[in-house]
Amino acid sequence: MSKKLIILLLSSLFFVGCSTKVSYFFLDWAIEWEVEEYVELTSEQQDKFDVIIESFLVWHRQQELPRYRDQLSLLSTLTNQQTMTPELWLEQVSMAKAHWYRIFNFVMPELLPIMASLTDEQVDQILLQLKKEQQELIEEYAGKEQAELITDSDKRIAKQLSEWTGTVTDAQKNIIHQANTERLATLDMWLEYRHEWLRQFEQALKRRQQTDYFTQQMTLLMISPDELKSEMYRDNVTENTRKFGSMLITLNQTFSQKQRKHFDKKLTALVDDLTELHLDK
């Protein structure tokens, strides 16, 4: 429940296709609907959860949205001045992770008691859904040939790029394809990590009445999950992040005036929305 919840909260940063402001105002509803996919809370648990969401949204608007705005403004400057480097991109990714961890730090003290109050039946509901999603990922990715994985990634990145630039040229698609062929393999390690994360999450839930253990394990799983990853996996992810930054730098150098105008307009609108949301009491 908690990890999916936070994914919903963080997604407020990346609205595509609709007004950021409108979407943000309905975020509490979105969170409620998403949680219902995992567990049916009792009325008492729901009341406590609603208090957490209300408190979270106030804190998030006041404290976190300015951080998102400032980071996006910095990204805009680095992009337009073409001063981004792979190392600076790594710093941007680290900043994004810091946003994630601050959210966990804020909600966990109030969320953990609710999770500790879950019945065995509720825990089974959560684990059943998580295992279903894990199996779907395995069926989607496991056994795929490398060429097919690259093709899927090419299409996914090109689609994401088109949302920010309006169009993607054949030359830019070639840049994306070349970058994907140079990525280090991490799929098997990623699936193994997800399996281990879910295993430890299940064990934590089964020992949720042991407060110290439960708090320690949930802190590990939500705030320090990299500790569950092998050294090779962490190294490969870092290198792939650097390579991804290099690809973005190369793509940025190929943007036409029209593409750059589209990108600037979209990014400026997002920054303005975040600013207005922060100032709207």
C-alpha atoms as a PDB file:
ATOM      1  CA  MET A   1       0.000   0.000   0.000  1.00  0.00           C
ATOM      2  CA  SER A   2       2.555   2.601   1.052  1.00  0.00           C
ATOM      3  CA  LYS A   3       4.918   2.328  -1.909  1.00  0.00           C
ATOM      4  CA  LYS A   4       2.094   2.587  -4.425  1.00  0.00           C
ATOM      5  CA  LEU A   5       0.695   5.502  -2.461  1.00  0.00           C
ATOM      6  CA  ILE A   6       3.935   7.425  -2.694  1.00  0.00           C
ATOM      7  CA  ILE A   7       4.180   6.744  -6.403  1.00  0.00           C
ATOM      8  CA  LEU A   8       0.810   8.468  -6.734  1.00  0.00           C
ATOM      9  CA  LEU A   9       1.992  11.383  -4.655  1.00  0.00           C
ATOM     10  CA  LEU A  10       5.169  11.840  -6.662  1.00  0.00           C
ATOM     11  CA  SER A  11       3.303  11.590  -9.928  1.00  0.00           C
ATOM     12  CA  SER A  12       1.992  15.085  -9.254  1.00  0.00           C
ATOM     13  CA  LEU A  13       5.332  16.237 -10.662  1.00  0.00           C
ATOM     14  CA  PHE A  14       4.794  14.723 -14.074  1.00  0.00           C
ATOM     15  CA  PHE A  15       1.249  15.416 -15.252  1.00  0.00           C
ATOM     16  CA  VAL A  16       0.907  15.013 -19.007  1.00  0.00           C
ATOM     17  CA  GLY A  17      -2.171  15.755 -21.067  1.00  0.00           C
ATOM     18  CA  CYS A  18      -4.168  17.688 -18.475  1.00  0.00           C
ATOM     19  CA  SER A  19      -3.883  20.684 -16.216  1.00  0.00           C
ATOM     20  CA  THR A  20      -1.384  20.231 -13.410  1.00  0.00           C
ATOM     21  CA  LYS A  21      -3.444  22.427 -11.126  1.00  0.00           C
ATOM     22  CA  VAL A  22      -6.702  20.594 -11.762  1.00  0.00           C
ATOM     23  CA  SER A  23      -5.020  17.197 -11.346  1.00  0.00           C
ATOM     24  CA  TYR A  24      -3.358  18.252  -8.109  1.00  0.00           C
ATOM     25  CA  PHE A  25      -6.655  19.351  -6.606  1.00  0.00           C
ATOM     26  CA  PHE A  26      -8.025  15.850  -7.238  1.00  0.00           C
ATOM     27  CA  LEU A  27      -4.912  14.075  -5.975  1.00  0.00           C
ATOM     28  CA  ASP A  28      -6.535  13.073  -2.701  1.00  0.00           C
ATOM     29  CA  TRP A  29      -9.278  11.248  -4.616  1.00  0.00           C
ATOM     30  CA  ALA A  30      -6.708   9.566  -6.854  1.00  0.00           C
ATOM     31  CA  ILE A  31      -4.812   8.302  -3.825  1.00  0.00           C
ATOM     32  CA  GLU A  32      -7.988   6.927  -2.256  1.00  0.00           C
ATOM     33  CA  TRP A  33      -8.944   5.089  -5.445  1.00  0.00           C
ATOM     34  CA  GLU A  34      -5.468   3.644  -5.837  1.00  0.00           C
ATOM     35  CA  VAL A  35      -5.269   2.389  -2.267  1.00  0.00           C
ATOM     36  CA  GLU A  36      -8.613   0.644  -2.718  1.00  0.00           C
ATOM     37  CA  GLU A  37      -6.962  -1.545  -5.365  1.00  0.00           C
ATOM     38  CA  TYR A  38      -4.747  -2.995  -2.636  1.00  0.00           C
ATOM     39  CA  VAL A  39      -6.792  -3.111   0.532  1.00  0.00           C
ATOM     40  CA  GLU A  40     -10.208  -2.319   1.952  1.00  0.00           C
ATOM     41  CA  LEU A  41      -9.639  -0.235   5.065  1.00  0.00           C
ATOM     42  CA  THR A  42     -11.931  -0.255   8.061  1.00  0.00           C
ATOM     43  CA  SER A  43     -13.785   2.962   8.878  1.00  0.00           C
ATOM     44  CA  GLU A  44     -11.339   3.694  11.701  1.00  0.00           C
ATOM     45  CA  GLN A  45      -8.325   3.085   9.484  1.00  0.00           C
ATOM     46  CA  GLN A  46      -9.881   5.167   6.724  1.00  0.00           C
ATOM     47  CA  ASP A  47     -10.461   8.102   9.053  1.00  0.00           C
ATOM     48  CA  LYS A  48      -6.813   8.037  10.133  1.00  0.00           C
ATOM     49  CA  PHE A  49      -5.655   7.651   6.551  1.00  0.00           C
ATOM     50  CA  ASP A  50      -7.735  10.658   5.487  1.00  0.00           C
ATOM     51  CA  VAL A  51      -6.015  12.759   8.157  1.00  0.00           C
ATOM     52  CA  ILE A  52      -2.617  11.696   6.797  1.00  0.00           C
ATOM     53  CA  ILE A  53      -3.586  12.639   3.248  1.00  0.00           C
ATOM     54  CA  GLU A  54      -4.929  16.018   4.329  1.00  0.00           C
ATOM     55  CA  SER A  55      -1.788  16.762   6.317  1.00  0.00           C
ATOM     56  CA  PHE A  56       0.420  15.497   3.525  1.00  0.00           C
ATOM     57  CA  LEU A  57      -1.142  17.684   0.849  1.00  0.00           C
ATOM     58  CA  VAL A  58      -0.738  20.814   2.962  1.00  0.00           C
ATOM     59  CA  TRP A  59       2.916  19.992   3.681  1.00  0.00           C
ATOM     60  CA  HIS A  60       3.581  18.935   0.109  1.00  0.00           C
ATOM     61  CA  ARG A  61       2.153  22.134  -1.328  1.00  0.00           C
ATOM     62  CA  GLN A  62       3.999  24.379   1.095  1.00  0.00           C
ATOM     63  CA  GLN A  63       7.346  22.604   1.337  1.00  0.00           C
ATOM     64  CA  GLU A  64       7.851  20.350  -1.670  1.00  0.00           C
ATOM     65  CA  LEU A  65       6.333  22.119  -4.658  1.00  0.00           C
ATOM     66  CA  PRO A  66       8.888  24.950  -4.456  1.00  0.00           C
ATOM     67  CA  ARG A  67      11.649  22.327  -4.567  1.00  0.00           C
ATOM     68  CA  TYR A  68      10.133  20.776  -7.699  1.00  0.00           C
ATOM     69  CA  ARG A  69       9.738  24.208  -9.257  1.00  0.00           C
ATOM     70  CA  ASP A  70      13.343  25.139  -8.497  1.00  0.00           C
ATOM     71  CA  GLN A  71      14.685  21.891  -9.905  1.00  0.00           C
ATOM     72  CA  LEU A  72      12.635  22.231 -13.078  1.00  0.00           C
ATOM     73  CA  SER A  73      13.833  25.829 -13.449  1.00  0.00           C
ATOM     74  CA  LEU A  74      17.410  24.623 -13.119  1.00  0.00           C
ATOM     75  CA  LEU A  75      16.785  21.919 -15.717  1.00  0.00           C
ATOM     76  CA  SER A  76      15.365  24.571 -18.026  1.00  0.00           C
ATOM     77  CA  THR A  77      18.498  26.701 -17.635  1.00  0.00           C
ATOM     78  CA  LEU A  78      20.844  23.771 -18.187  1.00  0.00           C
ATOM     79  CA  THR A  79      18.874  22.737 -21.257  1.00  0.00           C
ATOM     80  CA  ASN A  80      18.569  26.147 -22.882  1.00  0.00           C
ATOM     81  CA  GLN A  81      22.175  27.109 -22.188  1.00  0.00           C
ATOM     82  CA  GLN A  82      23.286  23.608 -23.227  1.00  0.00           C
ATOM     83  CA  THR A  83      25.447  23.318 -20.109  1.00  0.00           C
ATOM     84  CA  MET A  84      24.145  19.956 -18.939  1.00  0.00           C
ATOM     85  CA  THR A  85      26.765  17.246 -18.400  1.00  0.00           C
ATOM     86  CA  PRO A  86      26.357  13.559 -17.517  1.00  0.00           C
ATOM     87  CA  GLU A  87      27.591  14.348 -13.999  1.00  0.00           C
ATOM     88  CA  LEU A  88      25.064  17.174 -13.615  1.00  0.00           C
ATOM     89  CA  TRP A  89      22.349  14.791 -14.822  1.00  0.00           C
ATOM     90  CA  LEU A  90      23.368  12.336 -12.096  1.00  0.00           C
ATOM     91  CA  GLU A  91      22.957  15.178  -9.595  1.00  0.00           C
ATOM     92  CA  GLN A  92      19.482  15.899 -10.960  1.00  0.00           C
ATOM     93  CA  VAL A  93      18.496  12.253 -10.515  1.00  0.00           C
ATOM     94  CA  SER A  94      19.825  12.330  -6.942  1.00  0.00           C
ATOM     95  CA  MET A  95      17.755  15.442  -6.273  1.00  0.00           C
ATOM     96  CA  ALA A  96      14.657  13.665  -7.594  1.00  0.00           C
ATOM     97  CA  LYS A  97      15.327  10.717  -5.277  1.00  0.00           C
ATOM     98  CA  ALA A  98      15.663  13.154  -2.379  1.00  0.00           C
ATOM     99  CA  HIS A  99      12.124  14.401  -3.114  1.00  0.00           C
ATOM    100  CA  TRP A 100      10.952  10.795  -2.859  1.00  0.00           C
ATOM    101  CA  TYR A 101      12.704  10.109   0.438  1.00  0.00           C
ATOM    102  CA  ARG A 102      11.454  13.311   2.075  1.00  0.00           C
ATOM    103  CA  ILE A 103       7.905  12.207   1.343  1.00  0.00           C
ATOM    104  CA  PHE A 104       8.524   8.861   2.999  1.00  0.00           C
ATOM    105  CA  ASN A 105      10.062  10.570   6.002  1.00  0.00           C
ATOM    106  CA  PHE A 106       6.982  12.752   6.325  1.00  0.00           C
ATOM    107  CA  VAL A 107       4.240  10.132   5.990  1.00  0.00           C
ATOM    108  CA  MET A 108       5.840   7.068   7.587  1.00  0.00           C
ATOM    109  CA  PRO A 109       5.446   7.986  11.288  1.00  0.00           C
ATOM    110  CA  GLU A 110       1.672   8.283  10.826  1.00  0.00           C
ATOM    111  CA  LEU A 111       1.296   5.593   8.176  1.00  0.00           C
ATOM    112  CA  LEU A 112       3.101   2.780  10.000  1.00  0.00           C
ATOM    113  CA  PRO A 113       0.555   2.530  12.859  1.00  0.00           C
ATOM    114  CA  ILE A 114      -2.213   2.109  10.303  1.00  0.00           C
ATOM    115  CA  MET A 115      -0.233  -0.610   8.555  1.00  0.00           C
ATOM    116  CA  ALA A 116       0.445  -2.265  11.910  1.00  0.00           C
ATOM    117  CA  SER A 117      -3.309  -2.328  12.561  1.00  0.00           C
ATOM    118  CA  LEU A 118      -4.055  -4.295   9.388  1.00  0.00           C
ATOM    119  CA  THR A 119      -5.747  -7.638   9.869  1.00  0.00           C
ATOM    120  CA  ASP A 120      -4.348 -10.835   8.397  1.00  0.00           C
ATOM    121  CA  GLU A 121      -7.072 -10.678   5.749  1.00  0.00           C
ATOM    122  CA  GLN A 122      -6.053  -7.137   4.798  1.00  0.00           C
ATOM    123  CA  VAL A 123      -2.400  -8.132   4.594  1.00  0.00           C
ATOM    124  CA  ASP A 124      -3.374 -11.009   2.314  1.00  0.00           C
ATOM    125  CA  GLN A 125      -5.244  -8.543   0.063  1.00  0.00           C
ATOM    126  CA  ILE A 126      -2.153  -6.350  -0.280  1.00  0.00           C
ATOM    127  CA  LEU A 127       0.242  -9.228  -0.906  1.00  0.00           C
ATOM    128  CA  LEU A 128      -2.084 -10.853  -3.418  1.00  0.00           C
ATOM    129  CA  GLN A 129      -2.200  -7.662  -5.504  1.00  0.00           C
ATOM    130  CA  LEU A 130       1.543  -7.046  -5.244  1.00  0.00           C
ATOM    131  CA  LYS A 131       2.345 -10.626  -6.259  1.00  0.00           C
ATOM    132  CA  LYS A 132      -0.093 -10.351  -9.138  1.00  0.00           C
ATOM    133  CA  GLU A 133       1.706  -7.236 -10.370  1.00  0.00           C
ATOM    134  CA  GLN A 134       5.079  -8.921  -9.926  1.00  0.00           C
ATOM    135  CA  GLN A 135       3.938 -11.887 -11.999  1.00  0.00           C
ATOM    136  CA  GLU A 136       2.641  -9.554 -14.696  1.00  0.00           C
ATOM    137  CA  LEU A 137       6.062  -7.887 -14.867  1.00  0.00           C
ATOM    138  CA  ILE A 138       7.786 -11.241 -15.158  1.00  0.00           C
ATOM    139  CA  GLU A 139       5.439 -12.290 -17.946  1.00  0.00           C
ATOM    140  CA  GLU A 140       5.950  -8.960 -19.717  1.00  0.00           C
ATOM    141  CA  TYR A 141       9.742  -8.810 -19.556  1.00  0.00           C
ATOM    142  CA  ALA A 142      11.286 -12.168 -18.686  1.00  0.00           C
ATOM    143  CA  GLY A 143      12.426 -14.169 -21.683  1.00  0.00           C
ATOM    144  CA  LYS A 144      12.364 -11.251 -24.099  1.00  0.00           C
ATOM    145  CA  GLU A 145      15.227 -11.041 -26.559  1.00  0.00           C
ATOM    146  CA  GLN A 146      17.548  -8.045 -26.158  1.00  0.00           C
ATOM    147  CA  ALA A 147      16.513  -6.693 -29.549  1.00  0.00           C
ATOM    148  CA  GLU A 148      12.863  -6.695 -28.486  1.00  0.00           C
ATOM    149  CA  LEU A 149      13.693  -4.927 -25.225  1.00  0.00           C
ATOM    150  CA  ILE A 150      15.600  -2.262 -27.153  1.00  0.00           C
ATOM    151  CA  THR A 151      12.690  -1.771 -29.566  1.00  0.00           C
ATOM    152  CA  ASP A 152      10.261  -1.367 -26.662  1.00  0.00           C
ATOM    153  CA  SER A 153      12.573   1.159 -25.014  1.00  0.00           C
ATOM    154  CA  ASP A 154      13.021   3.060 -28.287  1.00  0.00           C
ATOM    155  CA  LYS A 155       9.262   3.467 -28.623  1.00  0.00           C
ATOM    156  CA  ARG A 156       8.754   4.410 -24.985  1.00  0.00           C
ATOM    157  CA  ILE A 157      11.453   7.114 -24.939  1.00  0.00           C
ATOM    158  CA  ALA A 158      10.399   8.514 -28.316  1.00  0.00           C
ATOM    159  CA  LYS A 159       6.824   8.805 -27.059  1.00  0.00           C
ATOM    160  CA  GLN A 160       7.961  10.564 -23.886  1.00  0.00           C
ATOM    161  CA  LEU A 161      10.132  12.920 -25.909  1.00  0.00           C
ATOM    162  CA  SER A 162       7.249  13.751 -28.246  1.00  0.00           C
ATOM    163  CA  GLU A 163       5.196  14.872 -25.264  1.00  0.00           C
ATOM    164  CA  TRP A 164       7.820  17.549 -24.606  1.00  0.00           C
ATOM    165  CA  THR A 165       8.923  18.486 -28.129  1.00  0.00           C
ATOM    166  CA  GLY A 166       5.800  17.842 -30.205  1.00  0.00           C
ATOM    167  CA  THR A 167       7.647  15.849 -32.861  1.00  0.00           C
ATOM    168  CA  VAL A 168      10.590  13.477 -32.956  1.00  0.00           C
ATOM    169  CA  THR A 169      12.762  13.311 -36.074  1.00  0.00           C
ATOM    170  CA  ASP A 170      14.253  10.163 -37.543  1.00  0.00           C
ATOM    171  CA  ALA A 171      17.714  11.421 -36.553  1.00  0.00           C
ATOM    172  CA  GLN A 172      16.560  11.798 -32.957  1.00  0.00           C
ATOM    173  CA  LYS A 173      15.039   8.317 -33.012  1.00  0.00           C
ATOM    174  CA  ASN A 174      18.429   7.020 -34.172  1.00  0.00           C
ATOM    175  CA  ILE A 175      20.116   8.761 -31.224  1.00  0.00           C
ATOM    176  CA  ILE A 176      17.660   7.086 -28.867  1.00  0.00           C
ATOM    177  CA  HIS A 177      18.230   3.694 -30.492  1.00  0.00           C
ATOM    178  CA  GLN A 178      22.016   4.014 -30.324  1.00  0.00           C
ATOM    179  CA  ALA A 179      21.840   4.942 -26.644  1.00  0.00           C
ATOM    180  CA  ASN A 180      19.599   1.973 -25.881  1.00  0.00           C
ATOM    181  CA  THR A 181      21.981  -0.448 -27.597  1.00  0.00           C
ATOM    182  CA  GLU A 182      24.800   0.826 -25.363  1.00  0.00           C
ATOM    183  CA  ARG A 183      22.918   0.424 -22.083  1.00  0.00           C
ATOM    184  CA  LEU A 184      24.240  -2.150 -19.635  1.00  0.00           C
ATOM    185  CA  ALA A 185      21.943  -5.100 -18.993  1.00  0.00           C
ATOM    186  CA  THR A 186      19.977  -4.783 -15.728  1.00  0.00           C
ATOM    187  CA  LEU A 187      16.670  -6.568 -16.389  1.00  0.00           C
ATOM    188  CA  ASP A 188      17.462  -9.797 -14.549  1.00  0.00           C
ATOM    189  CA  MET A 189      18.979  -7.877 -11.635  1.00  0.00           C
ATOM    190  CA  TRP A 190      15.932  -5.588 -11.537  1.00  0.00           C
ATOM    191  CA  LEU A 191      13.510  -8.526 -11.385  1.00  0.00           C
ATOM    192  CA  GLU A 192      15.655 -10.186  -8.714  1.00  0.00           C
ATOM    193  CA  TYR A 193      15.681  -6.973  -6.680  1.00  0.00           C
ATOM    194  CA  ARG A 194      11.897  -6.608  -6.947  1.00  0.00           C
ATOM    195  CA  HIS A 195      11.479 -10.211  -5.820  1.00  0.00           C
ATOM    196  CA  GLU A 196      13.708  -9.630  -2.785  1.00  0.00           C
ATOM    197  CA  TRP A 197      11.964  -6.349  -1.968  1.00  0.00           C
ATOM    198  CA  LEU A 198       8.566  -8.051  -2.025  1.00  0.00           C
ATOM    199  CA  ARG A 199       9.850 -10.966   0.058  1.00  0.00           C
ATOM    200  CA  GLN A 200      11.129  -8.629   2.770  1.00  0.00           C
ATOM    201  CA  PHE A 201       7.990  -6.487   2.568  1.00  0.00           C
ATOM    202  CA  GLU A 202       5.888  -9.604   3.168  1.00  0.00           C
ATOM    203  CA  GLN A 203       8.016 -10.588   6.155  1.00  0.00           C
ATOM    204  CA  ALA A 204       7.743  -7.071   7.582  1.00  0.00           C
ATOM    205  CA  LEU A 205       3.952  -7.120   7.308  1.00  0.00           C
ATOM    206  CA  LYS A 206       3.749 -10.503   9.009  1.00  0.00           C
ATOM    207  CA  ARG A 207       5.774  -9.093  11.909  1.00  0.00           C
ATOM    208  CA  ARG A 208       3.993  -5.737  11.934  1.00  0.00           C
ATOM    209  CA  GLN A 209       3.194  -6.007  15.652  1.00  0.00           C
ATOM    210  CA  GLN A 210       6.919  -5.931  16.477  1.00  0.00           C
ATOM    211  CA  THR A 211       7.197  -2.162  16.404  1.00  0.00           C
ATOM    212  CA  ASP A 212      10.971  -1.735  16.358  1.00  0.00           C
ATOM    213  CA  TYR A 213      11.525  -4.414  13.728  1.00  0.00           C
ATOM    214  CA  PHE A 214       8.626  -3.209  11.604  1.00  0.00           C
ATOM    215  CA  THR A 215       9.804   0.400  11.679  1.00  0.00           C
ATOM    216  CA  GLN A 216      13.375  -0.601  10.848  1.00  0.00           C
ATOM    217  CA  GLN A 217      12.354  -2.816   7.938  1.00  0.00           C
ATOM    218  CA  MET A 218       9.901  -0.360   6.448  1.00  0.00           C
ATOM    219  CA  THR A 219      12.516   2.383   6.677  1.00  0.00           C
ATOM    220  CA  LEU A 220      14.932   0.140   4.805  1.00  0.00           C
ATOM    221  CA  LEU A 221      12.400  -0.827   2.149  1.00  0.00           C
ATOM    222  CA  MET A 222      11.057   2.663   1.535  1.00  0.00           C
ATOM    223  CA  ILE A 223      13.982   4.979   2.203  1.00  0.00           C
ATOM    224  CA  SER A 224      17.083   2.844   1.648  1.00  0.00           C
ATOM    225  CA  PRO A 225      16.026   0.209  -0.918  1.00  0.00           C
ATOM    226  CA  ASP A 226      19.395   0.419  -2.693  1.00  0.00           C
ATOM    227  CA  GLU A 227      20.805  -1.644   0.160  1.00  0.00           C
ATOM    228  CA  LEU A 228      18.895  -4.603  -1.267  1.00  0.00           C
ATOM    229  CA  LYS A 229      20.588  -4.243  -4.640  1.00  0.00           C
ATOM    230  CA  SER A 230      23.808  -5.989  -5.564  1.00  0.00           C
ATOM    231  CA  GLU A 231      26.890  -3.859  -6.070  1.00  0.00           C
ATOM    232  CA  MET A 232      26.903  -4.739  -9.765  1.00  0.00           C
ATOM    233  CA  TYR A 233      23.291  -3.681 -10.120  1.00  0.00           C
ATOM    234  CA  ARG A 234      23.925  -0.345  -8.415  1.00  0.00           C
ATOM    235  CA  ASP A 235      27.006   0.273 -10.556  1.00  0.00           C
ATOM    236  CA  ASN A 236      25.143  -0.592 -13.762  1.00  0.00           C
ATOM    237  CA  VAL A 237      22.223   1.671 -12.847  1.00  0.00           C
ATOM    238  CA  THR A 238      24.605   4.555 -12.172  1.00  0.00           C
ATOM    239  CA  GLU A 239      26.379   4.029 -15.467  1.00  0.00           C
ATOM    240  CA  ASN A 240      23.088   3.748 -17.351  1.00  0.00           C
ATOM    241  CA  THR A 241      21.881   6.953 -15.716  1.00  0.00           C
ATOM    242  CA  ARG A 242      25.041   8.673 -16.920  1.00  0.00           C
ATOM    243  CA  LYS A 243      24.510   7.251 -20.414  1.00  0.00           C
ATOM    244  CA  PHE A 244      20.906   8.439 -20.376  1.00  0.00           C
ATOM    245  CA  GLY A 245      22.122  11.922 -19.491  1.00  0.00           C
ATOM    246  CA  SER A 246      24.537  11.823 -22.412  1.00  0.00           C
ATOM    247  CA  MET A 247      21.660  10.854 -24.709  1.00  0.00           C
ATOM    248  CA  LEU A 248      19.568  13.789 -23.470  1.00  0.00           C
ATOM    249  CA  ILE A 249      22.482  16.152 -24.066  1.00  0.00           C
ATOM    250  CA  THR A 250      22.877  14.888 -27.628  1.00  0.00           C
ATOM    251  CA  LEU A 251      19.142  15.137 -28.274  1.00  0.00           C
ATOM    252  CA  ASN A 252      19.079  18.675 -26.914  1.00  0.00           C
ATOM    253  CA  GLN A 253      21.705  19.690 -29.456  1.00  0.00           C
ATOM    254  CA  THR A 254      19.418  18.514 -32.275  1.00  0.00           C
ATOM    255  CA  PHE A 255      16.254  20.348 -31.209  1.00  0.00           C
ATOM    256  CA  SER A 256      14.760  22.555 -33.880  1.00  0.00           C
ATOM    257  CA  GLN A 257      13.492  26.014 -33.007  1.00  0.00           C
ATOM    258  CA  LYS A 258       9.948  24.658 -33.075  1.00  0.00           C
ATOM    259  CA  GLN A 259      10.803  21.753 -30.771  1.00  0.00           C
ATOM    260  CA  ARG A 260      12.616  24.019 -28.324  1.00  0.00           C
ATOM    261  CA  LYS A 261       9.700  26.433 -28.279  1.00  0.00           C
ATOM    262  CA  HIS A 262       7.322  23.538 -27.543  1.00  0.00           C
ATOM    263  CA  PHE A 263       9.600  22.275 -24.768  1.00  0.00           C
ATOM    264  CA  ASP A 264      10.032  25.734 -23.196  1.00  0.00           C
ATOM    265  CA  LYS A 265       6.302  26.429 -23.318  1.00  0.00           C
ATOM    266  CA  LYS A 266       5.433  23.139 -21.636  1.00  0.00           C
ATOM    267  CA  LEU A 267       8.127  23.449 -18.978  1.00  0.00           C
ATOM    268  CA  THR A 268       7.273  27.086 -18.248  1.00  0.00           C
ATOM    269  CA  ALA A 269       3.601  26.174 -17.827  1.00  0.00           C
ATOM    270  CA  LEU A 270       4.524  23.420 -15.396  1.00  0.00           C
ATOM    271  CA  VAL A 271       6.781  25.718 -13.372  1.00  0.00           C
ATOM    272  CA  ASP A 272       4.044  28.376 -13.298  1.00  0.00           C
ATOM    273  CA  ASP A 273       1.470  25.831 -12.149  1.00  0.00           C
ATOM    274  CA  LEU A 274       3.734  24.633  -9.344  1.00  0.00           C
ATOM    275  CA  THR A 275       4.321  28.225  -8.274  1.00  0.00           C
ATOM    276  CA  GLU A 276       0.586  29.016  -8.234  1.00  0.00           C
ATOM    277  CA  LEU A 277      -0.207  25.824  -6.333  1.00  0.00           C
ATOM    278  CA  HIS A 278       2.387  26.696  -3.731  1.00  0.00           C
ATOM    279  CA  LEU A 279       1.047  30.232  -3.307  1.00  0.00           C
ATOM    280  CA  ASP A 280      -2.621  29.191  -3.332  1.00  0.00           C
ATOM    281  CA  LYS A 281      -3.540  28.809   0.334  1.00  0.00           C
END
